[in-house]
């Protein structure tokens, strides 16, 4: 009986530890970040932003349903969070096109394109 109680307790505690683990790493996507100018235009999500706002244009398959959602991006030792505000027709799924404000938080403009890991914040 003691063995059964100990075994059940170990299984329950183990499953709690697994479910408490951060899930962002499991949903992380690798891709590329590029940057574009806002130029005072309204994005496909219906809001106008400045170049310094931290916003993102996502691929057509992600646009619409993710308008206004936050995405955290990591490149090297730098991390930033920005809001989905526009569509990037040329972007594949992992490619994010960032406003100057968002890109500048990760890399210099001269780099033009940097590898990133990113995930949707819940």
Protein backbone atom coordinates (compact mmCIF):
# COMPACT_ATOMS: atom_id res chain seq x y z
CA UNK A 1 0.00 0.00 0.00
CA UNK A 2 2.83 2.42 0.84
CA UNK A 3 4.38 1.74 -2.55
CA UNK A 4 1.09 2.54 -4.30
CA UNK A 5 0.67 5.82 -2.40
CA UNK A 6 4.29 6.77 -3.08
CA UNK A 7 4.00 5.90 -6.77
CA UNK A 8 0.75 7.82 -7.22
CA UNK A 9 2.20 10.81 -5.36
CA UNK A 10 5.30 10.79 -7.58
CA UNK A 11 3.18 10.65 -10.73
CA UNK A 12 0.93 13.50 -9.58
CA UNK A 13 3.86 15.69 -8.52
CA UNK A 14 5.69 14.95 -11.77
CA UNK A 15 2.69 15.91 -13.88
CA UNK A 16 2.30 19.16 -11.92
CA UNK A 17 5.93 20.04 -12.56
CA UNK A 18 5.53 19.42 -16.28
CA UNK A 19 2.33 21.46 -16.54
CA UNK A 20 3.93 24.35 -14.63
CA UNK A 21 6.81 24.60 -17.11
CA UNK A 22 6.81 27.70 -19.31
CA UNK A 23 4.99 27.06 -22.58
CA UNK A 24 6.48 29.95 -24.58
CA UNK A 25 9.54 27.91 -25.47
CA UNK A 26 7.33 25.12 -26.85
CA UNK A 27 5.55 27.54 -29.17
CA UNK A 28 8.64 29.46 -30.27
CA UNK A 29 9.15 29.94 -33.99
CA UNK A 30 12.48 30.61 -35.69
CA UNK A 31 12.59 33.05 -38.55
CA UNK A 32 13.87 36.38 -39.82
CA UNK A 33 13.11 39.97 -38.87
CA UNK A 34 13.28 42.83 -41.35
CA UNK A 35 12.11 46.42 -40.94
CA UNK A 36 9.87 48.81 -42.82
CA UNK A 37 8.70 52.41 -42.50
CA UNK A 38 5.22 53.21 -41.29
CA UNK A 39 5.15 56.51 -43.24
CA UNK A 40 1.93 57.52 -41.51
CA UNK A 41 -0.14 54.87 -43.24
CA UNK A 42 -2.84 52.80 -41.61
CA UNK A 43 -1.94 49.12 -41.23
CA UNK A 44 -4.23 46.25 -42.22
CA UNK A 45 -5.43 46.06 -38.61
CA UNK A 46 -6.95 49.54 -39.00
CA UNK A 47 -4.63 51.61 -36.79
CA UNK A 48 -2.09 54.24 -37.81
CA UNK A 49 1.35 54.02 -36.16
CA UNK A 50 4.56 56.02 -36.16
CA UNK A 51 7.96 54.57 -37.06
CA UNK A 52 8.90 54.56 -33.37
CA UNK A 53 5.89 52.48 -32.29
CA UNK A 54 6.77 48.83 -31.73
CA UNK A 55 4.54 47.11 -34.28
CA UNK A 56 4.81 44.09 -36.56
CA UNK A 57 3.55 43.08 -39.99
CA UNK A 58 2.95 39.33 -40.16
CA UNK A 59 2.44 36.90 -43.04
CA UNK A 60 -0.97 36.73 -44.68
CA UNK A 61 -1.79 33.42 -42.98
CA UNK A 62 -1.38 35.08 -39.54
CA UNK A 63 -2.88 38.49 -40.32
CA UNK A 64 -6.38 39.41 -39.23
CA UNK A 65 -6.88 36.84 -36.49
CA UNK A 66 -3.82 38.13 -34.61
CA UNK A 67 -4.41 41.90 -34.95
CA UNK A 68 -3.51 43.60 -31.68
CA UNK A 69 -1.80 40.53 -30.22
CA UNK A 70 1.66 40.88 -28.67
CA UNK A 71 4.66 38.96 -29.97
CA UNK A 72 7.95 38.66 -28.09
CA UNK A 73 11.07 38.39 -30.23
CA UNK A 74 14.62 37.44 -29.32
CA UNK A 75 17.75 37.99 -31.41
CA UNK A 76 21.07 37.17 -29.80
CA UNK A 77 20.97 38.64 -26.29
CA UNK A 78 18.25 41.22 -27.08
CA UNK A 79 14.52 40.77 -26.53
CA UNK A 80 11.57 43.03 -27.31
CA UNK A 81 7.79 42.84 -27.51
CA UNK A 82 5.65 44.43 -30.22
CA UNK A 83 2.03 44.43 -31.41
CA UNK A 84 0.68 42.87 -34.60
CA UNK A 85 -0.63 45.81 -36.66
CA UNK A 86 -0.17 45.01 -40.35
CA UNK A 87 0.19 42.36 -43.05
CA UNK A 88 3.40 41.52 -44.92
CA UNK A 89 2.37 39.84 -48.21
CA UNK A 90 6.00 38.91 -49.01
CA UNK A 91 6.65 37.30 -45.61
CA UNK A 92 6.68 33.56 -45.01
CA UNK A 93 5.26 32.22 -41.73
CA UNK A 94 8.43 32.74 -39.64
CA UNK A 95 9.36 36.10 -41.15
CA UNK A 96 8.26 39.23 -39.25
CA UNK A 97 8.50 42.72 -40.75
CA UNK A 98 9.07 45.17 -37.89
CA UNK A 99 8.59 48.89 -37.48
CA UNK A 100 11.82 50.83 -37.02
CA UNK A 101 11.09 51.11 -33.29
CA UNK A 102 10.76 47.35 -32.87
CA UNK A 103 13.73 46.48 -35.11
CA UNK A 104 15.99 49.00 -33.37
CA UNK A 105 15.38 47.17 -30.07
CA UNK A 106 16.93 44.04 -31.62
CA UNK A 107 19.56 45.21 -34.12
CA UNK A 108 20.94 48.14 -36.10
CA UNK A 109 19.12 49.27 -39.24
CA UNK A 110 22.25 48.63 -41.26
CA UNK A 111 21.90 44.90 -40.59
CA UNK A 112 18.59 44.97 -42.45
CA UNK A 113 17.68 41.39 -41.57
CA UNK A 114 18.42 39.36 -38.44
CA UNK A 115 17.59 35.84 -37.27
CA UNK A 116 14.97 35.76 -34.51
CA UNK A 117 13.05 33.42 -32.30
CA UNK A 118 9.53 34.64 -31.56
CA UNK A 119 6.29 33.62 -29.87
CA UNK A 120 2.80 34.96 -29.25
CA UNK A 121 2.22 36.25 -25.74
CA UNK A 122 -0.97 35.09 -24.06
